[in-house]
Amino acid sequence: MTAAPASAMKDKNYNLVAVLESSLRNAWTMQTYAEDADRAGDTELAEWFRKIQHNSLKAGEQGKRMLLARLEEEDEAGS
């Protein structure tokens, strides 16, 4: 297994942005999976996917607020 190359973009917010993107992508994916389960008539599975989607959206919203606060802080410090 090879290590991922170091990123010139990596800073204190890099991981936050990566998890934010992952959370929102996962929420979108869970919507697709829930719709597939609905079409197949599997309401139990569809509901489970929607619960996961809800958690991912919640994490995404929290991440967006955190990122905004951090960027505003940096902007104020740089002014």
C-alpha atoms as a PDB file:
ATOM      1  CA  MET A   1       0.000   0.000   0.000  1.00  0.00           C
ATOM      2  CA  THR A   2       1.475   3.351  -0.997  1.00  0.00           C
ATOM      3  CA  ALA A   3       0.962   6.501   1.021  1.00  0.00           C
ATOM      4  CA  ALA A   4      -1.076   9.295  -0.467  1.00  0.00           C
ATOM      5  CA  PRO A   5       1.066  12.157  -1.713  1.00  0.00           C
ATOM      6  CA  ALA A   6       1.305  15.210   0.492  1.00  0.00           C
ATOM      7  CA  SER A   7      -0.995  17.970  -0.637  1.00  0.00           C
ATOM      8  CA  ALA A   8       0.195  21.516  -1.009  1.00  0.00           C
ATOM      9  CA  MET A   9      -3.408  22.498  -0.217  1.00  0.00           C
ATOM     10  CA  LYS A  10      -3.448  20.818   3.195  1.00  0.00           C
ATOM     11  CA  ASP A  11      -3.993  23.236   6.064  1.00  0.00           C
ATOM     12  CA  LYS A  12      -5.984  23.201   9.301  1.00  0.00           C
ATOM     13  CA  ASN A  13      -9.303  23.220   7.389  1.00  0.00           C
ATOM     14  CA  TYR A  14      -8.391  20.605   4.775  1.00  0.00           C
ATOM     15  CA  ASN A  15      -9.818  17.639   6.694  1.00  0.00           C
ATOM     16  CA  LEU A  16     -12.950  19.612   7.557  1.00  0.00           C
ATOM     17  CA  VAL A  17     -13.560  20.347   3.880  1.00  0.00           C
ATOM     18  CA  ALA A  18     -12.898  16.715   2.939  1.00  0.00           C
ATOM     19  CA  VAL A  19     -15.370  15.369   5.522  1.00  0.00           C
ATOM     20  CA  LEU A  20     -17.928  18.024   4.581  1.00  0.00           C
ATOM     21  CA  GLU A  21     -17.749  16.972   0.946  1.00  0.00           C
ATOM     22  CA  SER A  22     -17.930  13.305   1.886  1.00  0.00           C
ATOM     23  CA  SER A  23     -20.954  13.835   4.139  1.00  0.00           C
ATOM     24  CA  LEU A  24     -22.914  15.730   1.501  1.00  0.00           C
ATOM     25  CA  ARG A  25     -21.969  13.238  -1.218  1.00  0.00           C
ATOM     26  CA  ASN A  26     -23.098  10.404   1.047  1.00  0.00           C
ATOM     27  CA  ALA A  27     -26.435  12.144   1.670  1.00  0.00           C
ATOM     28  CA  TRP A  28     -26.999  12.389  -2.090  1.00  0.00           C
ATOM     29  CA  THR A  29     -26.050   8.726  -2.540  1.00  0.00           C
ATOM     30  CA  MET A  30     -28.421   7.626   0.234  1.00  0.00           C
ATOM     31  CA  GLN A  31     -31.267   9.473  -1.513  1.00  0.00           C
ATOM     32  CA  THR A  32     -30.598   7.444  -4.642  1.00  0.00           C
ATOM     33  CA  TYR A  33     -30.431   4.182  -2.673  1.00  0.00           C
ATOM     34  CA  ALA A  34     -33.661   4.994  -0.795  1.00  0.00           C
ATOM     35  CA  GLU A  35     -35.447   5.663  -4.078  1.00  0.00           C
ATOM     36  CA  ASP A  36     -34.134   2.366  -5.463  1.00  0.00           C
ATOM     37  CA  ALA A  37     -35.395   0.533  -2.371  1.00  0.00           C
ATOM     38  CA  ASP A  38     -38.781   2.264  -2.682  1.00  0.00           C
ATOM     39  CA  ARG A  39     -39.067   1.141  -6.301  1.00  0.00           C
ATOM     40  CA  ALA A  40     -38.260  -2.412  -5.203  1.00  0.00           C
ATOM     41  CA  GLY A  41     -40.959  -2.214  -2.525  1.00  0.00           C
ATOM     42  CA  ASP A  42     -38.499  -2.530   0.373  1.00  0.00           C
ATOM     43  CA  THR A  43     -39.720   0.174   2.754  1.00  0.00           C
ATOM     44  CA  GLU A  44     -37.554  -1.067   5.631  1.00  0.00           C
ATOM     45  CA  LEU A  45     -34.370  -0.637   3.598  1.00  0.00           C
ATOM     46  CA  ALA A  46     -35.540   2.700   2.188  1.00  0.00           C
ATOM     47  CA  GLU A  47     -36.174   4.006   5.696  1.00  0.00           C
ATOM     48  CA  TRP A  48     -32.740   2.832   6.847  1.00  0.00           C
ATOM     49  CA  PHE A  49     -31.088   4.663   3.937  1.00  0.00           C
ATOM     50  CA  ARG A  50     -33.075   7.801   4.832  1.00  0.00           C
ATOM     51  CA  LYS A  51     -31.861   7.628   8.446  1.00  0.00           C
ATOM     52  CA  ILE A  52     -28.282   7.471   7.189  1.00  0.00           C
ATOM     53  CA  GLN A  53     -29.047  10.338   4.822  1.00  0.00           C
ATOM     54  CA  HIS A  54     -30.417  12.410   7.710  1.00  0.00           C
ATOM     55  CA  ASN A  55     -27.237  11.844   9.731  1.00  0.00           C
ATOM     56  CA  SER A  56     -25.056  12.763   6.753  1.00  0.00           C
ATOM     57  CA  LEU A  57     -27.057  15.943   6.123  1.00  0.00           C
ATOM     58  CA  LYS A  58     -26.786  16.873   9.791  1.00  0.00           C
ATOM     59  CA  ALA A  59     -23.016  16.347   9.689  1.00  0.00           C
ATOM     60  CA  GLY A  60     -22.834  18.354   6.470  1.00  0.00           C
ATOM     61  CA  GLU A  61     -24.745  21.273   7.968  1.00  0.00           C
ATOM     62  CA  GLN A  62     -22.550  21.244  11.073  1.00  0.00           C
ATOM     63  CA  GLY A  63     -19.454  21.130   8.878  1.00  0.00           C
ATOM     64  CA  LYS A  64     -20.640  24.071   6.775  1.00  0.00           C
ATOM     65  CA  ARG A  65     -21.216  26.168   9.899  1.00  0.00           C
ATOM     66  CA  MET A  66     -17.793  25.244  11.279  1.00  0.00           C
ATOM     67  CA  LEU A  67     -16.069  26.048   8.005  1.00  0.00           C
ATOM     68  CA  LEU A  68     -17.845  29.384   7.671  1.00  0.00           C
ATOM     69  CA  ALA A  69     -16.882  30.376  11.215  1.00  0.00           C
ATOM     70  CA  ARG A  70     -13.257  29.406  10.632  1.00  0.00           C
ATOM     71  CA  LEU A  71     -13.034  31.272   7.324  1.00  0.00           C
ATOM     72  CA  GLU A  72     -14.608  34.369   8.866  1.00  0.00           C
ATOM     73  CA  GLU A  73     -12.108  34.142  11.737  1.00  0.00           C
ATOM     74  CA  GLU A  74      -9.206  33.936   9.298  1.00  0.00           C
ATOM     75  CA  ASP A  75     -10.608  36.857   7.305  1.00  0.00           C
ATOM     76  CA  GLU A  76     -10.887  38.986  10.437  1.00  0.00           C
ATOM     77  CA  ALA A  77      -7.367  38.047  11.515  1.00  0.00           C
ATOM     78  CA  GLY A  78      -6.024  38.930   8.067  1.00  0.00           C
ATOM     79  CA  SER A  79      -7.740  42.316   7.937  1.00  0.00           C
END
